Amino acid sequence: MAIDRNTAQFSQAQFALAPVILDLNNLNHRFLIFDCDDERRAFAAMQQIHAKPLKRNMGIILAEREDL
């Protein structure tokens, strides 16, 4: 069975952050990780959920929800 690119990236991030478990596609957390090809879309999504970017590195953005 082939592993798709998103699953592989998610697993890689999960292992890097172990023992913290990532909750894929759940925006109801104080800290969020955006892995994006188009940062403009990520910033638009952050604006919608009242999050601010904390760190950026090569298409990976760590953001914090301001309302949680």
C-alpha atoms as a PDB file:
ATOM      1  CA  MET A   1       0.000   0.000   0.000  1.00  0.00           C
ATOM      2  CA  ALA A   2       1.446   3.380  -1.037  1.00  0.00           C
ATOM      3  CA  ILE A   3       1.583   6.234   1.462  1.00  0.00           C
ATOM      4  CA  ASP A   4       0.490   9.578   0.053  1.00  0.00           C
ATOM      5  CA  ARG A   5       2.638  12.704   0.455  1.00  0.00           C
ATOM      6  CA  ASN A   6       0.375  14.353   3.061  1.00  0.00           C
ATOM      7  CA  THR A   7       0.355  11.264   5.252  1.00  0.00           C
ATOM      8  CA  ALA A   8       4.131  11.005   5.042  1.00  0.00           C
ATOM      9  CA  GLN A   9       4.592  14.693   5.977  1.00  0.00           C
ATOM     10  CA  PHE A  10       2.134  14.373   8.850  1.00  0.00           C
ATOM     11  CA  SER A  11       3.932  11.306  10.177  1.00  0.00           C
ATOM     12  CA  GLN A  12       7.302  13.032   9.879  1.00  0.00           C
ATOM     13  CA  ALA A  13       6.046  16.034  11.855  1.00  0.00           C
ATOM     14  CA  GLN A  14       4.446  13.772  14.454  1.00  0.00           C
ATOM     15  CA  PHE A  15       7.705  11.898  15.036  1.00  0.00           C
ATOM     16  CA  ALA A  16       9.665  15.188  15.205  1.00  0.00           C
ATOM     17  CA  LEU A  17       7.305  16.511  17.885  1.00  0.00           C
ATOM     18  CA  ALA A  18       6.980  13.267  19.834  1.00  0.00           C
ATOM     19  CA  PRO A  19       5.627  12.674  22.392  1.00  0.00           C
ATOM     20  CA  VAL A  20       3.161  15.422  21.387  1.00  0.00           C
ATOM     21  CA  ILE A  21       0.451  13.979  19.161  1.00  0.00           C
ATOM     22  CA  LEU A  22      -0.800  16.058  16.241  1.00  0.00           C
ATOM     23  CA  ASP A  23      -4.529  16.277  15.598  1.00  0.00           C
ATOM     24  CA  LEU A  24      -4.826  16.423  11.801  1.00  0.00           C
ATOM     25  CA  ASN A  25      -7.282  19.034  10.424  1.00  0.00           C
ATOM     26  CA  ASN A  26      -8.534  20.082  13.882  1.00  0.00           C
ATOM     27  CA  LEU A  27      -8.403  23.866  14.254  1.00  0.00           C
ATOM     28  CA  ASN A  28      -9.668  23.868  17.847  1.00  0.00           C
ATOM     29  CA  HIS A  29      -6.222  24.072  19.422  1.00  0.00           C
ATOM     30  CA  ARG A  30      -4.197  27.016  20.689  1.00  0.00           C
ATOM     31  CA  PHE A  31      -1.174  26.179  18.482  1.00  0.00           C
ATOM     32  CA  LEU A  32      -1.498  25.098  14.849  1.00  0.00           C
ATOM     33  CA  ILE A  33       0.951  24.017  12.159  1.00  0.00           C
ATOM     34  CA  PHE A  34       0.283  25.073   8.574  1.00  0.00           C
ATOM     35  CA  ASP A  35       2.234  23.168   5.900  1.00  0.00           C
ATOM     36  CA  CYS A  36       1.524  25.078   2.736  1.00  0.00           C
ATOM     37  CA  ASP A  37       2.622  25.623  -0.840  1.00  0.00           C
ATOM     38  CA  ASP A  38       0.836  29.008  -0.952  1.00  0.00           C
ATOM     39  CA  GLU A  39       1.459  31.095   2.167  1.00  0.00           C
ATOM     40  CA  ARG A  40      -1.182  33.629   1.077  1.00  0.00           C
ATOM     41  CA  ARG A  41      -3.867  30.962   1.519  1.00  0.00           C
ATOM     42  CA  ALA A  42      -2.417  30.025   4.917  1.00  0.00           C
ATOM     43  CA  PHE A  43      -2.458  33.651   6.071  1.00  0.00           C
ATOM     44  CA  ALA A  44      -6.062  34.023   4.851  1.00  0.00           C
ATOM     45  CA  ALA A  45      -7.033  30.900   6.818  1.00  0.00           C
ATOM     46  CA  MET A  46      -5.251  32.245   9.919  1.00  0.00           C
ATOM     47  CA  GLN A  47      -7.143  35.512   9.630  1.00  0.00           C
ATOM     48  CA  GLN A  48     -10.459  33.628   9.467  1.00  0.00           C
ATOM     49  CA  ILE A  49      -9.752  31.696  12.661  1.00  0.00           C
ATOM     50  CA  HIS A  50      -8.099  34.601  14.519  1.00  0.00           C
ATOM     51  CA  ALA A  51      -4.619  33.085  14.544  1.00  0.00           C
ATOM     52  CA  LYS A  52      -1.283  34.844  14.240  1.00  0.00           C
ATOM     53  CA  PRO A  53       1.922  33.391  12.800  1.00  0.00           C
ATOM     54  CA  LEU A  54       4.693  32.812  15.336  1.00  0.00           C
ATOM     55  CA  LYS A  55       7.394  31.147  13.208  1.00  0.00           C
ATOM     56  CA  ARG A  56       7.870  30.523   9.479  1.00  0.00           C
ATOM     57  CA  ASN A  57      10.303  28.174   7.786  1.00  0.00           C
ATOM     58  CA  MET A  58      10.134  26.909   4.204  1.00  0.00           C
ATOM     59  CA  GLY A  59       6.352  26.729   3.917  1.00  0.00           C
ATOM     60  CA  ILE A  60       5.769  25.544   7.498  1.00  0.00           C
ATOM     61  CA  ILE A  61       4.051  28.074   9.753  1.00  0.00           C
ATOM     62  CA  LEU A  62       3.497  27.737  13.489  1.00  0.00           C
ATOM     63  CA  ALA A  63       0.472  29.841  14.442  1.00  0.00           C
ATOM     64  CA  GLU A  64      -1.305  30.639  17.694  1.00  0.00           C
ATOM     65  CA  ARG A  65      -5.060  31.069  18.036  1.00  0.00           C
ATOM     66  CA  GLU A  66      -5.788  34.411  19.697  1.00  0.00           C
ATOM     67  CA  ASP A  67      -9.270  33.375  20.839  1.00  0.00           C
ATOM     68  CA  LEU A  68      -8.332  30.210  22.767  1.00  0.00           C
END
